[in-house]
Every structure is written in structure tokens, then in C-alpha cells.
């Protein structure tokens, strides 16, 4: 059997199932199969072949935040990925073509109950809520004149 290149496989997947942009497939492959940061893990994948759906999603989440930062949710959305189930569909499509090598990619059910995209990609970048210190009652009363003070000022 002739080995096919990744680009032709992605093209075929996108023609068969046009829900996701081709960049989504490249992103997943890069996140799961490329060596760790700085190439320190030469030749090793970022994820074990028997990794659970939850572990795979965590690797993808971390990779998205590292690559796109606060734009992660927007970028993934542009590719058609709006939740963990979508990530699972991309992974399972690649696995069906043998692109991910020996991996137990799991089932759609494994990816259905992942993380919230808002919690994972938006919340970490929201500014912390600042609480104004409460004004002391004496200062508040001094600033707001009472009836007696108003009458005295009017006279």
C-alpha cells in the first residue's frame, strides 16, 4: 500500500466532511505528534498512544493557549471548532486514516463532555475583578449634607 502524504489525506477528509477548515487538522496533528517545546523530546510524541480523550483534550487546550493565547477560541471557531466534540471529530477523522499512528483515539462519547471553551480559552485572560474600598460612613455623611445643613446653608 502506498503511503499518502498528510495534505492529500486532509484534502480528502475536507471534501468528505466540510464542517472543519483544513487548518484544524494541521493544528491537531501538530499538537499531538510534534515534539515538545524546544524539541527536547526529539522523536517523541506529546501524547501516549493509550491516552484518554480527556488527556488528548488537555494537550490540545494547552497547545492552543500556547500558540494563540487570548485568540484561541476565536481561531478555533474560525476553523469550525466550537467545542470538545468538534475536536473529537477531527481527531477521529485523522485516526480513521491512520495519521495519528498507534493511538486509541477513543470514541465521540469520550470528547463530548470535555471542557467549556469559554472557561478554557476566555476566562484565563479576563481581568481580575477589582473591588473598591468601602467609604467610611463619616466621610459619606460629610459629603452629603443632611436637612439641618441644607437649612443652615439656605439661611
N, C-alpha and C. Protein backbone atom coordinates (compact mmCIF):
# COMPACT_ATOMS: atom_id res chain seq x y z
N UNK A 1 0.84 -1.18 0.00
CA UNK A 1 0.00 0.00 0.00
C UNK A 1 0.88 1.25 0.00
N UNK A 2 0.55 2.17 -0.85
CA UNK A 2 1.32 3.39 -0.97
C UNK A 2 0.99 4.35 0.17
N UNK A 3 2.02 4.91 0.75
CA UNK A 3 1.83 5.85 1.85
C UNK A 3 1.43 7.21 1.27
N UNK A 4 0.35 7.78 1.81
CA UNK A 4 -0.14 9.07 1.32
C UNK A 4 0.39 10.18 2.20
N UNK A 5 0.54 11.35 1.58
CA UNK A 5 1.01 12.47 2.39
C UNK A 5 -0.17 13.11 3.13
N UNK A 6 0.17 13.82 4.16
CA UNK A 6 -0.84 14.38 5.06
C UNK A 6 -1.77 15.35 4.33
N UNK A 7 -1.22 16.18 3.46
CA UNK A 7 -2.03 17.17 2.75
C UNK A 7 -3.14 16.51 1.92
N UNK A 8 -2.83 15.41 1.25
CA UNK A 8 -3.85 14.75 0.44
C UNK A 8 -4.92 14.09 1.31
N UNK A 9 -4.51 13.59 2.47
CA UNK A 9 -5.48 13.00 3.40
C UNK A 9 -6.43 14.08 3.92
N UNK A 10 -5.88 15.22 4.32
CA UNK A 10 -6.70 16.32 4.83
C UNK A 10 -7.64 16.82 3.74
N UNK A 11 -7.15 16.91 2.53
CA UNK A 11 -7.99 17.36 1.42
C UNK A 11 -9.18 16.40 1.23
N UNK A 12 -8.90 15.12 1.30
CA UNK A 12 -9.97 14.12 1.16
C UNK A 12 -10.97 14.20 2.31
N UNK A 13 -10.47 14.37 3.52
CA UNK A 13 -11.37 14.49 4.68
C UNK A 13 -12.26 15.73 4.52
N UNK A 14 -11.67 16.85 4.11
CA UNK A 14 -12.43 18.10 3.97
C UNK A 14 -13.47 18.00 2.85
N UNK A 15 -13.16 17.25 1.80
CA UNK A 15 -14.15 17.06 0.74
C UNK A 15 -15.30 16.19 1.22
N UNK A 16 -14.98 15.17 2.01
CA UNK A 16 -15.99 14.25 2.52
C UNK A 16 -16.83 14.91 3.63
N UNK A 17 -16.17 15.68 4.49
CA UNK A 17 -16.83 16.30 5.64
C UNK A 17 -16.33 17.74 5.74
N UNK A 18 -17.10 18.66 5.21
CA UNK A 18 -16.66 20.04 5.12
C UNK A 18 -16.93 20.90 6.34
N UNK A 19 -17.20 20.29 7.49
CA UNK A 19 -17.51 21.08 8.68
C UNK A 19 -16.31 21.87 9.20
N UNK A 20 -15.11 21.34 9.00
CA UNK A 20 -13.93 21.95 9.61
C UNK A 20 -12.93 22.38 8.54
N UNK A 21 -12.29 23.50 8.78
CA UNK A 21 -11.25 24.01 7.89
C UNK A 21 -10.04 23.08 7.95
N UNK A 22 -9.29 23.03 6.88
CA UNK A 22 -8.11 22.15 6.84
C UNK A 22 -7.09 22.50 7.93
N UNK A 23 -7.06 23.77 8.34
CA UNK A 23 -6.13 24.18 9.40
C UNK A 23 -6.39 23.45 10.71
N UNK A 24 -7.63 23.06 10.96
CA UNK A 24 -7.97 22.33 12.19
C UNK A 24 -7.23 21.00 12.24
N UNK A 25 -7.11 20.33 11.11
CA UNK A 25 -6.43 19.03 11.06
C UNK A 25 -4.92 19.20 11.25
N UNK A 26 -4.37 20.26 10.67
CA UNK A 26 -2.94 20.53 10.85
C UNK A 26 -2.65 20.87 12.32
N UNK A 27 -3.54 21.63 12.93
CA UNK A 27 -3.39 22.00 14.33
C UNK A 27 -3.36 20.76 15.22
N UNK A 28 -4.31 19.86 15.02
CA UNK A 28 -4.39 18.64 15.84
C UNK A 28 -3.14 17.79 15.64
N UNK A 29 -2.71 17.64 14.39
CA UNK A 29 -1.51 16.84 14.14
C UNK A 29 -0.30 17.45 14.84
N UNK A 30 -0.16 18.77 14.72
CA UNK A 30 0.98 19.44 15.35
C UNK A 30 0.94 19.29 16.87
N UNK A 31 -0.24 19.44 17.44
CA UNK A 31 -0.38 19.35 18.90
C UNK A 31 -0.08 17.96 19.42
N UNK A 32 -0.51 16.93 18.70
CA UNK A 32 -0.39 15.57 19.22
C UNK A 32 0.89 14.85 18.80
N UNK A 33 1.43 15.20 17.64
CA UNK A 33 2.55 14.41 17.12
C UNK A 33 3.90 15.10 17.12
N UNK A 34 3.91 16.41 17.27
CA UNK A 34 5.21 17.10 17.23
C UNK A 34 5.91 16.98 18.58
N UNK A 35 7.25 17.09 18.57
CA UNK A 35 7.98 17.02 19.84
C UNK A 35 7.59 18.17 20.75
N UNK A 36 7.90 18.02 22.01
CA UNK A 36 7.59 19.06 23.00
C UNK A 36 8.33 20.35 22.71
N UNK A 37 8.03 21.35 23.49
CA UNK A 37 8.61 22.69 23.33
C UNK A 37 10.13 22.63 23.32
N UNK A 38 10.71 23.31 22.35
CA UNK A 38 12.17 23.37 22.26
C UNK A 38 12.79 22.12 21.66
N UNK A 39 11.96 21.19 21.21
CA UNK A 39 12.48 19.98 20.58
C UNK A 39 13.25 19.08 21.54
N UNK A 40 13.07 19.25 22.84
CA UNK A 40 13.82 18.46 23.82
C UNK A 40 13.46 16.98 23.77
N UNK A 41 12.24 16.70 23.36
CA UNK A 41 11.79 15.32 23.32
C UNK A 41 11.88 14.80 21.89
N UNK A 42 13.03 14.86 21.32
CA UNK A 42 13.22 14.52 19.92
C UNK A 42 12.62 13.15 19.59
N UNK A 43 11.78 13.12 18.57
CA UNK A 43 11.21 11.88 18.11
C UNK A 43 10.07 11.34 18.96
N UNK A 44 9.77 11.99 20.06
CA UNK A 44 8.69 11.52 20.93
C UNK A 44 7.44 12.36 20.71
N UNK A 45 6.31 11.70 20.80
CA UNK A 45 5.04 12.40 20.67
C UNK A 45 4.68 13.08 21.98
N UNK A 46 3.81 14.05 21.90
CA UNK A 46 3.36 14.75 23.11
C UNK A 46 2.36 13.93 23.90
N UNK A 47 1.79 12.93 23.27
CA UNK A 47 0.73 12.17 23.93
C UNK A 47 0.99 10.68 23.76
N UNK A 48 0.71 9.93 24.80
CA UNK A 48 0.92 8.47 24.76
C UNK A 48 -0.12 7.82 23.85
N UNK A 49 0.24 6.70 23.21
CA UNK A 49 -0.71 6.02 22.32
C UNK A 49 -2.00 5.58 23.01
N UNK A 50 -1.93 5.33 24.31
CA UNK A 50 -3.12 4.87 25.03
C UNK A 50 -3.78 5.98 25.84
N UNK A 51 -3.55 7.23 25.46
CA UNK A 51 -4.10 8.37 26.20
C UNK A 51 -5.63 8.40 26.10
N UNK A 52 -6.24 8.88 27.16
CA UNK A 52 -7.70 9.00 27.19
C UNK A 52 -8.13 10.25 26.42
N UNK A 53 -9.41 10.33 26.13
CA UNK A 53 -9.95 11.52 25.47
C UNK A 53 -9.69 12.77 26.27
N UNK A 54 -9.80 12.66 27.59
CA UNK A 54 -9.56 13.81 28.48
C UNK A 54 -8.11 14.29 28.37
N UNK A 55 -7.16 13.35 28.33
CA UNK A 55 -5.74 13.71 28.21
C UNK A 55 -5.45 14.35 26.86
N UNK A 56 -6.06 13.82 25.81
CA UNK A 56 -5.87 14.39 24.47
C UNK A 56 -6.41 15.81 24.43
N UNK A 57 -7.59 16.03 25.00
CA UNK A 57 -8.17 17.37 25.03
C UNK A 57 -7.30 18.35 25.80
N UNK A 58 -6.69 17.89 26.88
CA UNK A 58 -5.82 18.76 27.67
C UNK A 58 -4.59 19.18 26.87
N UNK A 59 -4.03 18.26 26.10
CA UNK A 59 -2.88 18.59 25.25
C UNK A 59 -3.30 19.62 24.20
N UNK A 60 -4.46 19.44 23.60
CA UNK A 60 -4.95 20.38 22.59
C UNK A 60 -5.24 21.75 23.21
N UNK A 61 -5.81 21.77 24.39
CA UNK A 61 -6.09 23.04 25.08
C UNK A 61 -4.80 23.80 25.36
N UNK A 62 -3.82 23.09 25.91
CA UNK A 62 -2.53 23.70 26.23
C UNK A 62 -1.84 24.22 24.97
N UNK A 63 -1.89 23.43 23.91
CA UNK A 63 -1.25 23.84 22.65
C UNK A 63 -1.94 25.08 22.07
N UNK A 64 -3.26 25.12 22.12
CA UNK A 64 -3.99 26.28 21.60
C UNK A 64 -3.63 27.54 22.38
N UNK A 65 -3.58 27.44 23.70
CA UNK A 65 -3.22 28.60 24.52
C UNK A 65 -1.79 29.06 24.24
N UNK A 66 -0.89 28.11 24.04
CA UNK A 66 0.50 28.45 23.76
C UNK A 66 0.63 29.13 22.39
N UNK A 67 -0.10 28.63 21.42
CA UNK A 67 0.00 29.15 20.06
C UNK A 67 -0.77 30.45 19.85
N UNK A 68 -1.98 30.53 20.41
CA UNK A 68 -2.88 31.63 20.08
C UNK A 68 -3.26 32.52 21.25
N UNK A 69 -2.92 32.13 22.46
CA UNK A 69 -3.22 32.94 23.63
C UNK A 69 -4.69 33.32 23.72
N UNK A 70 -4.99 34.61 23.96
CA UNK A 70 -6.37 35.04 24.13
C UNK A 70 -7.23 34.89 22.87
N UNK A 71 -6.58 34.62 21.74
CA UNK A 71 -7.32 34.46 20.48
C UNK A 71 -7.70 33.01 20.23
N UNK A 72 -7.39 32.10 21.13
CA UNK A 72 -7.61 30.66 20.92
C UNK A 72 -9.04 30.32 20.52
N UNK A 73 -9.99 30.80 21.28
CA UNK A 73 -11.39 30.47 21.00
C UNK A 73 -11.80 31.00 19.63
N UNK A 74 -11.39 32.20 19.29
CA UNK A 74 -11.73 32.79 18.01
C UNK A 74 -11.11 32.00 16.85
N UNK A 75 -9.83 31.67 16.97
CA UNK A 75 -9.15 30.93 15.91
C UNK A 75 -9.81 29.57 15.69
N UNK A 76 -10.03 28.84 16.77
CA UNK A 76 -10.66 27.52 16.65
C UNK A 76 -12.06 27.65 16.05
N UNK A 77 -12.79 28.68 16.44
CA UNK A 77 -14.13 28.91 15.91
C UNK A 77 -14.09 29.18 14.41
N UNK A 78 -13.09 29.93 13.97
CA UNK A 78 -12.92 30.20 12.54
C UNK A 78 -12.72 28.91 11.74
N UNK A 79 -12.14 27.93 12.38
CA UNK A 79 -11.91 26.63 11.73
C UNK A 79 -13.11 25.70 11.86
N UNK A 80 -14.16 26.14 12.54
CA UNK A 80 -15.35 25.33 12.72
C UNK A 80 -15.38 24.56 14.02
N UNK A 81 -14.37 24.75 14.86
CA UNK A 81 -14.28 24.02 16.13
C UNK A 81 -14.84 24.91 17.23
N UNK A 82 -16.00 24.51 17.75
CA UNK A 82 -16.67 25.33 18.76
C UNK A 82 -16.79 24.66 20.12
N UNK A 83 -16.42 23.37 20.18
CA UNK A 83 -16.49 22.64 21.45
C UNK A 83 -15.62 21.40 21.38
N UNK A 84 -15.55 20.67 22.47
CA UNK A 84 -14.69 19.48 22.54
C UNK A 84 -15.16 18.37 21.62
N UNK A 85 -16.46 18.30 21.39
CA UNK A 85 -16.98 17.29 20.47
C UNK A 85 -16.42 17.51 19.07
N UNK A 86 -16.30 18.78 18.65
CA UNK A 86 -15.72 19.09 17.34
C UNK A 86 -14.26 18.65 17.28
N UNK A 87 -13.51 18.91 18.36
CA UNK A 87 -12.12 18.45 18.40
C UNK A 87 -12.06 16.93 18.28
N UNK A 88 -12.96 16.25 18.96
CA UNK A 88 -13.03 14.79 18.88
C UNK A 88 -13.30 14.31 17.47
N UNK A 89 -14.19 14.99 16.75
CA UNK A 89 -14.48 14.60 15.37
C UNK A 89 -13.25 14.74 14.48
N UNK A 90 -12.48 15.80 14.67
CA UNK A 90 -11.25 15.99 13.90
C UNK A 90 -10.26 14.88 14.21
N UNK A 91 -10.09 14.58 15.49
CA UNK A 91 -9.17 13.52 15.92
C UNK A 91 -9.58 12.18 15.34
N UNK A 92 -10.87 11.86 15.43
CA UNK A 92 -11.35 10.57 14.94
C UNK A 92 -11.23 10.46 13.43
N UNK A 93 -11.41 11.57 12.71
CA UNK A 93 -11.22 11.55 11.26
C UNK A 93 -9.77 11.24 10.92
N UNK A 94 -8.84 11.90 11.60
CA UNK A 94 -7.42 11.64 11.36
C UNK A 94 -7.05 10.21 11.74
N UNK A 95 -7.59 9.73 12.85
CA UNK A 95 -7.29 8.38 13.30
C UNK A 95 -7.81 7.34 12.31
N UNK A 96 -8.95 7.61 11.68
CA UNK A 96 -9.50 6.65 10.72
C UNK A 96 -8.61 6.49 9.50
N UNK A 97 -7.77 7.48 9.22
CA UNK A 97 -6.82 7.39 8.11
C UNK A 97 -5.44 6.94 8.59
N UNK A 98 -5.31 6.65 9.86
CA UNK A 98 -4.04 6.18 10.40
C UNK A 98 -2.99 7.26 10.57
N UNK A 99 -3.40 8.51 10.52
CA UNK A 99 -2.46 9.63 10.61
C UNK A 99 -1.85 9.76 12.00
N UNK A 100 -2.60 9.44 13.01
CA UNK A 100 -2.12 9.62 14.37
C UNK A 100 -1.30 8.43 14.86
N UNK A 101 -1.00 7.52 13.98
CA UNK A 101 -0.19 6.36 14.37
C UNK A 101 -0.97 5.45 15.29
N UNK A 102 -0.25 4.75 16.13
CA UNK A 102 -0.90 3.84 17.08
C UNK A 102 -1.45 4.67 18.23
N UNK A 103 -2.70 4.94 18.17
CA UNK A 103 -3.33 5.69 19.26
C UNK A 103 -4.75 5.19 19.47
N UNK A 104 -5.15 5.15 20.69
CA UNK A 104 -6.55 4.81 20.97
C UNK A 104 -7.30 6.13 21.02
N UNK A 105 -7.70 6.60 19.86
CA UNK A 105 -8.33 7.91 19.76
C UNK A 105 -9.65 7.98 20.51
N UNK A 106 -10.18 6.84 20.86
CA UNK A 106 -11.41 6.83 21.62
C UNK A 106 -12.64 6.91 20.73
N UNK A 107 -13.72 7.37 21.33
CA UNK A 107 -14.99 7.50 20.61
C UNK A 107 -15.51 8.92 20.78
N UNK A 108 -16.55 9.24 20.03
CA UNK A 108 -17.15 10.58 20.14
C UNK A 108 -17.57 10.86 21.58
N UNK A 109 -18.04 9.83 22.26
CA UNK A 109 -18.51 9.98 23.64
C UNK A 109 -17.39 10.48 24.56
N UNK A 110 -16.15 10.04 24.28
CA UNK A 110 -15.00 10.45 25.11
C UNK A 110 -14.76 11.96 25.05
N UNK A 111 -15.16 12.58 23.94
CA UNK A 111 -14.88 14.01 23.75
C UNK A 111 -16.09 14.90 24.01
N UNK A 112 -17.25 14.27 24.15
CA UNK A 112 -18.49 15.05 24.32
C UNK A 112 -18.49 15.88 25.59
N UNK A 113 -18.00 15.30 26.68
CA UNK A 113 -18.01 16.01 27.97
C UNK A 113 -16.60 16.47 28.31
N UNK A 114 -16.08 17.36 27.51
CA UNK A 114 -14.76 17.92 27.78
C UNK A 114 -14.91 19.19 28.59
N UNK A 115 -14.12 20.18 28.25
CA UNK A 115 -14.16 21.46 28.96
C UNK A 115 -15.00 22.47 28.21
N UNK A 116 -15.38 23.51 28.90
CA UNK A 116 -16.08 24.64 28.29
C UNK A 116 -15.05 25.50 27.58
N UNK A 117 -15.29 25.85 26.33
CA UNK A 117 -14.34 26.68 25.60
C UNK A 117 -14.19 28.06 26.24
N UNK A 118 -15.26 28.59 26.79
CA UNK A 118 -15.17 29.89 27.45
C UNK A 118 -14.29 29.80 28.69
N UNK A 119 -14.49 28.76 29.49
CA UNK A 119 -13.66 28.59 30.70
C UNK A 119 -12.20 28.35 30.35
N UNK A 120 -11.96 27.60 29.29
CA UNK A 120 -10.59 27.23 28.93
C UNK A 120 -9.84 28.33 28.19
N UNK A 121 -10.52 29.07 27.31
CA UNK A 121 -9.82 29.98 26.42
C UNK A 121 -10.10 31.47 26.66
N UNK A 122 -11.16 31.79 27.36
CA UNK A 122 -11.50 33.20 27.59
C UNK A 122 -11.23 33.60 29.04
N UNK A 123 -11.72 32.80 29.97
CA UNK A 123 -11.62 33.13 31.39
C UNK A 123 -10.20 33.44 31.87
N UNK A 124 -9.17 32.68 31.43
CA UNK A 124 -7.83 32.97 31.92
C UNK A 124 -7.31 34.37 31.56
N UNK A 125 -7.94 35.00 30.57
CA UNK A 125 -7.46 36.30 30.12
C UNK A 125 -8.34 37.46 30.57
N UNK A 126 -9.42 37.16 31.27
CA UNK A 126 -10.26 38.23 31.80
C UNK A 126 -9.55 38.90 32.96
N UNK A 127 -9.66 40.22 33.07
CA UNK A 127 -9.02 40.89 34.20
C UNK A 127 -9.69 40.50 35.51
N UNK A 128 -8.88 40.49 36.54
CA UNK A 128 -9.42 40.18 37.86
C UNK A 128 -10.35 41.31 38.28
N UNK A 129 -11.40 40.97 38.96
CA UNK A 129 -12.34 41.98 39.42
C UNK A 129 -11.71 42.80 40.53
N UNK A 130 -11.78 44.10 40.40
CA UNK A 130 -11.26 44.95 41.46
C UNK A 130 -12.43 45.44 42.30
N UNK A 131 -12.24 45.43 43.57
CA UNK A 131 -13.28 45.86 44.50
C UNK A 131 -12.85 47.20 45.08
N UNK A 132 -13.75 48.16 44.96
CA UNK A 132 -13.45 49.48 45.53
C UNK A 132 -13.57 49.39 47.05
N UNK A 133 -12.66 50.04 47.75
CA UNK A 133 -12.78 50.03 49.21
C UNK A 133 -14.03 50.81 49.61
N UNK A 134 -14.72 50.31 50.61
CA UNK A 134 -15.93 50.98 51.09
C UNK A 134 -15.56 52.30 51.74
N UNK A 135 -16.34 53.33 51.45
CA UNK A 135 -16.09 54.63 52.07
C UNK A 135 -16.58 54.59 53.50
N UNK A 136 -15.87 55.28 54.33
CA UNK A 136 -16.27 55.35 55.74
C UNK A 136 -17.56 56.15 55.85
N UNK A 137 -18.40 55.79 56.81
CA UNK A 137 -19.69 56.45 56.97
C UNK A 137 -19.54 57.93 57.27
N UNK A 138 -18.55 58.30 58.05
CA UNK A 138 -18.38 59.72 58.40
C UNK A 138 -18.08 60.53 57.16
N UNK A 139 -17.22 60.01 56.28
CA UNK A 139 -16.89 60.72 55.05
C UNK A 139 -18.12 60.83 54.16
N UNK A 140 -18.90 59.77 54.11
CA UNK A 140 -20.09 59.77 53.27
C UNK A 140 -21.09 60.81 53.77
N UNK A 141 -21.27 60.91 55.09
CA UNK A 141 -22.20 61.88 55.66
C UNK A 141 -21.70 63.30 55.44
N UNK A 142 -20.41 63.51 55.54
CA UNK A 142 -19.84 64.84 55.36
C UNK A 142 -20.05 65.32 53.92
N UNK A 143 -20.00 64.39 52.98
CA UNK A 143 -20.17 64.77 51.57
C UNK A 143 -21.62 65.05 51.24
N UNK A 144 -22.55 64.37 51.91
CA UNK A 144 -23.97 64.54 51.64
C UNK A 144 -24.60 65.31 52.80
N UNK A 145 -24.88 66.58 52.59
CA UNK A 145 -25.45 67.37 53.70
C UNK A 145 -26.86 66.90 54.02
N UNK A 146 -27.15 66.87 55.32
CA UNK A 146 -28.48 66.49 55.78
C UNK A 146 -29.42 67.68 55.72
N UNK A 147 -30.67 67.54 56.23
CA UNK A 147 -31.67 68.61 56.19
C UNK A 147 -31.22 69.82 56.99
N UNK A 148 -30.66 69.58 58.15
CA UNK A 148 -30.24 70.69 59.02
C UNK A 148 -29.15 71.51 58.33
N UNK A 149 -28.22 70.83 57.68
CA UNK A 149 -27.14 71.55 56.99
C UNK A 149 -27.69 72.32 55.80
N UNK A 150 -28.67 71.76 55.09
CA UNK A 150 -29.25 72.44 53.93
C UNK A 150 -29.96 73.73 54.37
N UNK A 151 -30.72 73.66 55.50
CA UNK A 151 -31.42 74.84 56.01
C UNK A 151 -30.44 75.91 56.43
N UNK A 152 -29.34 75.49 57.07
CA UNK A 152 -28.33 76.45 57.53
C UNK A 152 -27.67 77.12 56.33
N UNK A 153 -27.44 76.37 55.29
CA UNK A 153 -26.80 76.93 54.10
C UNK A 153 -27.74 77.88 53.37
N UNK A 154 -29.03 77.60 53.39
CA UNK A 154 -30.02 78.42 52.71
C UNK A 154 -30.21 79.76 53.42
N UNK A 155 -30.02 79.78 54.73
CA UNK A 155 -30.26 80.99 55.51
C UNK A 155 -29.14 81.97 55.43
